[in-house]
C-alpha atoms as a PDB file:
ATOM      1  CA  MET A   1     -19.815  11.920   9.810  1.00  0.00           C
ATOM      2  CA  PRO A   2     -19.113   8.204   9.221  1.00  0.00           C
ATOM      3  CA  LYS A   3     -19.938   5.575  11.900  1.00  0.00           C
ATOM      4  CA  ARG A   4     -16.977   4.037  13.872  1.00  0.00           C
ATOM      5  CA  ALA A   5     -17.783   0.561  12.717  1.00  0.00           C
ATOM      6  CA  GLU A   6     -17.522   1.860   8.745  1.00  0.00           C
ATOM      7  CA  ILE A   7     -14.154   3.575   9.634  1.00  0.00           C
ATOM      8  CA  ILE A   8     -12.704   0.266  11.424  1.00  0.00           C
ATOM      9  CA  GLY A   9     -14.054  -1.802   8.398  1.00  0.00           C
ATOM     10  CA  LYS A  10     -12.011   0.270   5.812  1.00  0.00           C
ATOM     11  CA  LEU A  11      -9.294   0.474   8.227  1.00  0.00           C
ATOM     12  CA  SER A  12      -9.195  -3.635   8.438  1.00  0.00           C
ATOM     13  CA  MET A  13      -9.417  -3.462   4.413  1.00  0.00           C
ATOM     14  CA  ALA A  14      -6.410  -1.504   4.275  1.00  0.00           C
ATOM     15  CA  ALA A  15      -4.407  -2.811   6.773  1.00  0.00           C
ATOM     16  CA  PRO A  16      -2.828  -6.012   4.570  1.00  0.00           C
ATOM     17  CA  ILE A  17      -1.834  -3.152   2.062  1.00  0.00           C
ATOM     18  CA  PHE A  18       0.028  -1.111   4.391  1.00  0.00           C
ATOM     19  CA  ALA A  19       1.527  -3.900   6.289  1.00  0.00           C
ATOM     20  CA  ALA A  20       2.791  -5.343   2.666  1.00  0.00           C
ATOM     21  CA  LEU A  21       4.156  -1.792   1.908  1.00  0.00           C
ATOM     22  CA  GLY A  22       6.049  -1.854   5.081  1.00  0.00           C
ATOM     23  CA  ASP A  23       8.814  -3.718   4.181  1.00  0.00           C
ATOM     24  CA  PRO A  24      11.532  -1.894   1.998  1.00  0.00           C
ATOM     25  CA  VAL A  25      12.212  -5.208  -0.324  1.00  0.00           C
ATOM     26  CA  ARG A  26       8.651  -5.133  -1.076  1.00  0.00           C
ATOM     27  CA  LEU A  27       8.377  -1.543  -1.594  1.00  0.00           C
ATOM     28  CA  GLY A  28      11.133  -1.541  -3.813  1.00  0.00           C
ATOM     29  CA  MET A  29       9.711  -4.278  -5.696  1.00  0.00           C
ATOM     30  CA  LEU A  30       6.357  -2.350  -6.221  1.00  0.00           C
ATOM     31  CA  ALA A  31       8.438   0.519  -6.953  1.00  0.00           C
ATOM     32  CA  ARG A  32      10.071  -1.523 -10.137  1.00  0.00           C
ATOM     33  CA  LEU A  33       6.762  -2.626 -11.160  1.00  0.00           C
ATOM     34  CA  CYS A  34       5.294   0.728 -11.446  1.00  0.00           C
ATOM     35  CA  LYS A  35       8.322   2.092 -13.378  1.00  0.00           C
ATOM     36  CA  ASP A  36       8.912  -0.857 -15.529  1.00  0.00           C
ATOM     37  CA  GLY A  37       5.785  -2.683 -16.083  1.00  0.00           C
ATOM     38  CA  PRO A  38       5.436  -6.508 -15.805  1.00  0.00           C
ATOM     39  CA  LEU A  39       8.465  -8.325 -15.049  1.00  0.00           C
ATOM     40  CA  PRO A  40       9.508 -11.872 -14.159  1.00  0.00           C
ATOM     41  CA  THR A  41      10.109 -12.925 -10.674  1.00  0.00           C
ATOM     42  CA  ILE A  42      14.044 -12.654 -11.206  1.00  0.00           C
ATOM     43  CA  SER A  43      13.982  -9.130 -12.449  1.00  0.00           C
ATOM     44  CA  LEU A  44      12.287  -7.932  -9.244  1.00  0.00           C
ATOM     45  CA  GLN A  45      15.209  -8.721  -7.087  1.00  0.00           C
ATOM     46  CA  GLY A  46      16.857  -5.249  -8.090  1.00  0.00           C
ATOM     47  CA  GLY A  47      19.896  -5.507  -5.920  1.00  0.00           C
ATOM     48  CA  ALA A  48      18.268  -6.958  -3.001  1.00  0.00           C
ATOM     49  CA  ASP A  49      20.158  -9.362  -0.809  1.00  0.00           C
ATOM     50  CA  VAL A  50      17.144 -12.024  -1.417  1.00  0.00           C
ATOM     51  CA  THR A  51      17.134 -15.526  -2.086  1.00  0.00           C
ATOM     52  CA  ARG A  52      14.647 -16.348  -4.978  1.00  0.00           C
ATOM     53  CA  GLN A  53      12.800 -18.586  -2.501  1.00  0.00           C
ATOM     54  CA  GLY A  54      12.711 -15.304  -0.419  1.00  0.00           C
ATOM     55  CA  LEU A  55      11.952 -12.968  -3.202  1.00  0.00           C
ATOM     56  CA  THR A  56       8.788 -15.361  -4.142  1.00  0.00           C
ATOM     57  CA  LYS A  57       7.252 -15.096  -0.484  1.00  0.00           C
ATOM     58  CA  HIS A  58       7.638 -11.442  -0.310  1.00  0.00           C
ATOM     59  CA  LEU A  59       5.847 -11.306  -4.100  1.00  0.00           C
ATOM     60  CA  HIS A  60       3.104 -13.431  -2.367  1.00  0.00           C
ATOM     61  CA  VAL A  61       2.544 -10.949   0.576  1.00  0.00           C
ATOM     62  CA  LEU A  62       1.944  -8.074  -2.182  1.00  0.00           C
ATOM     63  CA  GLU A  63      -0.327 -10.673  -4.151  1.00  0.00           C
ATOM     64  CA  ASP A  64      -2.282 -11.364  -0.756  1.00  0.00           C
ATOM     65  CA  ALA A  65      -2.636  -8.022   0.015  1.00  0.00           C
ATOM     66  CA  GLY A  66      -3.933  -7.250  -3.565  1.00  0.00           C
ATOM     67  CA  LEU A  67      -1.418  -5.274  -4.743  1.00  0.00           C
ATOM     68  CA  VAL A  68       0.090  -7.320  -7.615  1.00  0.00           C
ATOM     69  CA  SER A  69      -0.945 -10.271  -9.717  1.00  0.00           C
ATOM     70  CA  SER A  70       0.995 -12.973 -11.605  1.00  0.00           C
ATOM     71  CA  ASN A  71       0.709 -15.033 -14.734  1.00  0.00           C
ATOM     72  CA  ARG A  72       2.823 -18.152 -15.498  1.00  0.00           C
ATOM     73  CA  VAL A  73       5.164 -17.580 -18.558  1.00  0.00           C
ATOM     74  CA  GLY A  74       7.045 -20.791 -19.127  1.00  0.00           C
ATOM     75  CA  ARG A  75       8.820 -21.669 -16.093  1.00  0.00           C
ATOM     76  CA  ASP A  76       8.562 -18.361 -14.456  1.00  0.00           C
ATOM     77  CA  ARG A  77       5.949 -15.861 -13.220  1.00  0.00           C
ATOM     78  CA  GLN A  78       5.428 -12.339 -14.674  1.00  0.00           C
ATOM     79  CA  TRP A  79       4.233  -9.769 -11.991  1.00  0.00           C
ATOM     80  CA  GLN A  80       2.476  -6.893 -12.618  1.00  0.00           C
ATOM     81  CA  ILE A  81       0.977  -3.958 -10.282  1.00  0.00           C
ATOM     82  CA  ARG A  82      -2.756  -3.768  -9.637  1.00  0.00           C
ATOM     83  CA  PRO A  83      -3.281  -0.191  -9.410  1.00  0.00           C
ATOM     84  CA  GLN A  84      -6.853  -0.317  -7.866  1.00  0.00           C
ATOM     85  CA  GLN A  85      -5.292  -1.253  -4.657  1.00  0.00           C
ATOM     86  CA  LEU A  86      -3.210   1.698  -4.673  1.00  0.00           C
ATOM     87  CA  ALA A  87      -5.934   3.824  -5.181  1.00  0.00           C
ATOM     88  CA  ALA A  88      -7.876   2.414  -2.490  1.00  0.00           C
ATOM     89  CA  ALA A  89      -4.932   2.887   0.117  1.00  0.00           C
ATOM     90  CA  ARG A  90      -4.577   6.153  -1.404  1.00  0.00           C
ATOM     91  CA  ASP A  91      -8.329   7.112  -0.459  1.00  0.00           C
ATOM     92  CA  TYR A  92      -7.832   5.680   2.942  1.00  0.00           C
ATOM     93  CA  LEU A  93      -4.757   7.928   3.491  1.00  0.00           C
ATOM     94  CA  ASP A  94      -7.001  10.970   2.200  1.00  0.00           C
ATOM     95  CA  ARG A  95      -9.711  10.381   4.361  1.00  0.00           C
ATOM     96  CA  ILE A  96      -7.454  10.498   7.302  1.00  0.00           C
ATOM     97  CA  SER A  97      -5.829  13.693   6.301  1.00  0.00           C
ATOM     98  CA  ALA A  98      -9.264  15.258   5.908  1.00  0.00           C
ATOM     99  CA  GLN A  99     -10.243  14.266   9.438  1.00  0.00           C
ATOM    100  CA  TRP A 100      -7.020  15.710  10.856  1.00  0.00           C
ATOM    101  CA  ASP A 101      -7.221  18.760   8.697  1.00  0.00           C
ATOM    102  CA  LEU A 102     -10.945  19.094  10.278  1.00  0.00           C
ATOM    103  CA  ARG A 103      -9.640  18.526  13.901  1.00  0.00           C
ATOM    104  CA  LEU A 104      -6.695  20.663  13.711  1.00  0.00           C
ATOM    105  CA  GLU A 105      -8.850  23.391  12.293  1.00  0.00           C
ATOM    106  CA  ARG A 106     -11.363  23.032  15.162  1.00  0.00           C
ATOM    107  CA  LEU A 107      -8.565  23.078  17.549  1.00  0.00           C
ATOM    108  CA  ARG A 108      -7.060  26.343  16.007  1.00  0.00           C
ATOM    109  CA  ALA A 109     -10.232  27.818  16.317  1.00  0.00           C
ATOM    110  CA  PHE A 110     -10.701  27.067  19.937  1.00  0.00           C
ATOM    111  CA  VAL A 111      -7.414  28.377  20.728  1.00  0.00           C
ATOM    112  CA  GLU A 112      -7.958  31.675  18.777  1.00  0.00           C
ATOM    113  CA  ASN A 113     -11.314  32.256  20.388  1.00  0.00           C
ATOM    114  CA  ASP A 114     -10.023  31.207  23.830  1.00  0.00           C
ATOM    115  CA  ALA A 115      -7.035  33.887  23.392  1.00  0.00           C
ATOM    116  CA  ASP A 116      -9.759  36.649  22.992  1.00  0.00           C
END
């Protein structure tokens, strides 16, 4: 069983990822990058009612969380997804799911044994 400090450490590493994904505009931009591959900044607006400055701020939140990276192409930036961070988030969710499955199984066994 992982130690409490290890679990808290992994949670603190995953928190910026989940915070970045908690905004529908950022989630939509990430979905576009997953679907369409690297895109310039303006292409990530995707119908969202966001200014270019707001769009850039959202992209920097995703970048700070390690979910995207960018390269300068002329006067613009080309953004691409960093799948390793999504894999880390999924790994964290899988661990939480396994812990809940174990706890629910223990509860089920307790309730069934208590009923006998």
